[in-house]
Protein backbone atom coordinates (compact mmCIF):
# COMPACT_ATOMS: atom_id res chain seq x y z
CA MET A 1 -88.75 -68.12 32.84
CA LEU A 2 -88.30 -71.36 34.84
CA GLU A 3 -90.48 -74.36 34.27
CA ALA A 4 -92.76 -76.34 36.19
CA ASN A 5 -91.69 -79.76 37.25
CA ARG A 6 -88.02 -78.51 38.60
CA LYS A 7 -86.74 -77.78 42.14
CA ALA A 8 -87.49 -74.15 42.99
CA PRO A 9 -84.14 -72.20 43.87
CA ASP A 10 -83.94 -71.39 47.55
CA PHE A 11 -83.04 -68.15 48.85
CA THR A 12 -82.72 -66.01 51.87
CA LEU A 13 -84.03 -62.24 51.81
CA THR A 14 -85.07 -59.85 54.32
CA ASP A 15 -88.78 -59.11 55.05
CA LYS A 16 -90.01 -55.78 55.65
CA ASP A 17 -89.63 -56.36 59.65
CA GLY A 18 -85.93 -56.98 58.95
CA ARG A 19 -86.52 -60.85 59.36
CA GLN A 20 -84.35 -63.46 57.15
CA VAL A 21 -86.80 -65.69 55.41
CA SER A 22 -85.94 -68.54 53.26
CA LEU A 23 -88.10 -70.31 50.79
CA SER A 24 -86.90 -73.52 52.53
CA ASP A 25 -88.59 -72.29 55.72
CA PHE A 26 -92.11 -73.31 54.07
CA LEU A 27 -91.35 -76.97 52.88
CA GLY A 28 -94.63 -78.63 53.60
CA LYS A 29 -96.86 -75.74 52.76
CA LYS A 30 -97.91 -74.67 49.13
CA ILE A 31 -96.44 -71.53 48.38
CA VAL A 32 -97.52 -68.50 46.13
CA LEU A 33 -94.60 -66.65 45.02
CA TYR A 34 -95.13 -63.63 43.09
CA PHE A 35 -92.56 -61.24 41.47
CA TYR A 36 -93.50 -57.39 40.83
CA PRO A 37 -91.87 -54.57 39.76
CA LYS A 38 -92.22 -51.73 42.50
CA ASP A 39 -93.89 -50.96 45.67
CA ASN A 40 -96.88 -48.08 45.32
CA THR A 41 -97.16 -48.04 41.57
CA PRO A 42 -100.85 -48.40 40.26
CA GLY A 43 -100.55 -52.20 38.81
CA CYS A 44 -98.59 -53.38 41.86
CA THR A 45 -100.99 -51.80 44.35
CA ARG A 46 -103.99 -53.24 42.51
CA GLN A 47 -102.12 -56.71 42.84
CA ALA A 48 -100.98 -56.55 46.17
CA CYS A 49 -104.25 -55.34 47.38
CA ALA A 50 -106.02 -58.33 45.21
CA PHE A 51 -103.88 -60.87 47.34
CA ALA A 52 -104.70 -59.17 50.57
CA ALA A 53 -108.37 -59.24 49.71
CA ALA A 54 -107.98 -63.01 49.04
CA TYR A 55 -105.22 -63.51 51.88
CA GLU A 56 -108.19 -65.40 54.29
CA ARG A 57 -108.74 -68.08 51.49
CA PHE A 58 -105.39 -68.53 50.76
CA ARG A 59 -104.94 -69.19 54.54
CA SER A 60 -107.63 -71.59 54.70
CA GLN A 61 -106.01 -73.78 52.25
CA ASP A 62 -102.63 -73.55 54.16
CA VAL A 63 -101.26 -71.41 51.14
CA VAL A 64 -98.26 -68.98 51.95
CA VAL A 65 -98.22 -65.77 49.82
CA ILE A 66 -94.94 -63.95 49.32
CA GLY A 67 -94.29 -61.02 47.17
CA ILE A 68 -90.72 -60.14 46.24
CA SER A 69 -89.44 -56.84 44.50
CA LYS A 70 -86.00 -55.07 44.57
CA ASP A 71 -87.65 -52.42 46.59
CA SER A 72 -85.80 -51.77 50.09
CA THR A 73 -87.16 -53.30 53.34
CA ALA A 74 -88.23 -49.40 54.42
CA SER A 75 -90.29 -49.22 51.18
CA HIS A 76 -91.79 -52.77 51.76
CA GLN A 77 -92.72 -51.81 55.24
CA LYS A 78 -94.57 -48.24 54.24
CA PHE A 79 -96.33 -50.27 51.30
CA ALA A 80 -97.69 -52.99 53.83
CA GLN A 81 -98.91 -50.44 56.26
CA LYS A 82 -100.43 -47.85 53.74
CA TYR A 83 -102.50 -50.91 52.24
CA ASP A 84 -103.04 -53.32 55.38
CA LEU A 85 -101.11 -56.31 53.48
CA PRO A 86 -101.26 -59.42 55.61
CA PHE A 87 -98.46 -61.31 53.60
CA ILE A 88 -94.81 -61.63 53.40
CA LEU A 89 -93.09 -59.07 51.39
CA LEU A 90 -89.22 -59.64 50.62
CA SER A 91 -86.60 -57.12 49.66
CA ASP A 92 -84.47 -58.27 46.76
CA PRO A 93 -81.88 -55.18 45.95
CA GLN A 94 -79.31 -57.56 44.73
CA LEU A 95 -81.68 -59.57 42.61
CA GLN A 96 -80.83 -62.70 44.23
CA ALA A 97 -84.11 -64.44 43.75
CA ILE A 98 -85.37 -62.14 40.85
CA GLN A 99 -82.38 -63.55 38.62
CA ALA A 100 -82.74 -67.14 39.98
CA TYR A 101 -86.32 -66.84 38.94
CA ASP A 102 -85.48 -65.47 35.79
CA VAL A 103 -88.12 -62.33 36.20
CA TRP A 104 -85.39 -59.77 35.37
CA GLN A 105 -85.99 -59.17 31.90
CA GLU A 106 -85.51 -56.57 28.98
CA LYS A 107 -88.68 -54.53 29.07
CA LYS A 108 -90.09 -52.03 26.12
CA LEU A 109 -92.09 -49.14 27.35
CA TYR A 110 -93.34 -46.24 24.99
CA GLY A 111 -90.25 -47.62 22.73
CA LYS A 112 -87.54 -47.36 25.30
CA VAL A 113 -86.14 -50.62 26.33
CA SER A 114 -84.72 -51.36 29.90
CA MET A 115 -84.16 -54.00 32.46
CA GLY A 116 -86.97 -54.55 34.76
CA VAL A 117 -89.03 -57.26 36.85
CA VAL A 118 -91.71 -58.90 34.65
CA ARG A 119 -94.71 -59.65 36.74
CA THR A 120 -94.71 -63.23 37.34
CA THR A 121 -96.19 -65.77 39.80
CA TYR A 122 -94.75 -69.19 40.74
CA ILE A 123 -96.80 -71.75 42.43
CA ILE A 124 -94.36 -73.98 44.45
CA ASP A 125 -95.60 -77.35 46.23
CA GLU A 126 -95.07 -78.68 49.42
CA GLN A 127 -91.75 -80.58 48.40
CA GLY A 128 -90.44 -77.12 47.07
CA ASN A 129 -90.92 -78.10 43.32
CA ILE A 130 -92.36 -75.48 40.94
CA GLU A 131 -95.76 -76.71 40.06
CA LYS A 132 -97.05 -73.88 37.92
CA VAL A 133 -95.63 -70.79 36.23
CA MET A 134 -97.74 -67.69 35.35
CA PRO A 135 -95.85 -65.52 33.20
CA LYS A 136 -96.70 -61.63 32.51
CA VAL A 137 -99.67 -61.79 35.03
CA LYS A 138 -102.48 -58.99 35.08
CA PRO A 139 -102.41 -57.29 38.27
CA ASP A 140 -106.10 -57.19 38.89
CA THR A 141 -106.91 -61.15 38.02
CA ASN A 142 -103.63 -63.13 39.58
CA ALA A 143 -105.06 -63.53 42.78
CA ALA A 144 -108.40 -64.93 41.53
CA GLU A 145 -106.46 -67.24 38.97
CA ILE A 146 -104.38 -68.47 41.50
CA LEU A 147 -107.38 -69.40 43.85
CA ALA A 148 -109.41 -71.06 40.58
CA TYR A 149 -106.26 -73.08 39.85
CA LEU A 150 -105.82 -74.25 43.43
CA SER A 151 -109.54 -75.03 43.81
CA GLU A 152 -109.40 -77.21 40.66
CA LYS A 153 -106.71 -79.72 42.38
């Protein structure tokens, strides 16, 4: 896991519409960068829908929300349409950003060990530095916890 108070690794990935998006495109804005395991799974769907429900509150604070998984752009497009997700979803099948942010880790499920994305959220400040790291977040409360944190600032 990366730590706060260091430069956020830049990356360029493809969004659900096939456009190239770089983290550095958003310098000057606060960014909520959340990594999640897979589109259309129960936890990931609840997390994405919670971000969608809170999206106007993020926008009103000039905060950019970006979700990243290793799913394809086509999968992201269907996921965003199905749940009316208004924020950026980036596809990272080569694990470029996923590994740069150290969220590709060993996971255990029912005694079986495999590699996968550990649900993690980074808040990145306007200068491109990691302001806060939220490891192993809960899908249902992640968006609300971020809004509470931002309102304390």
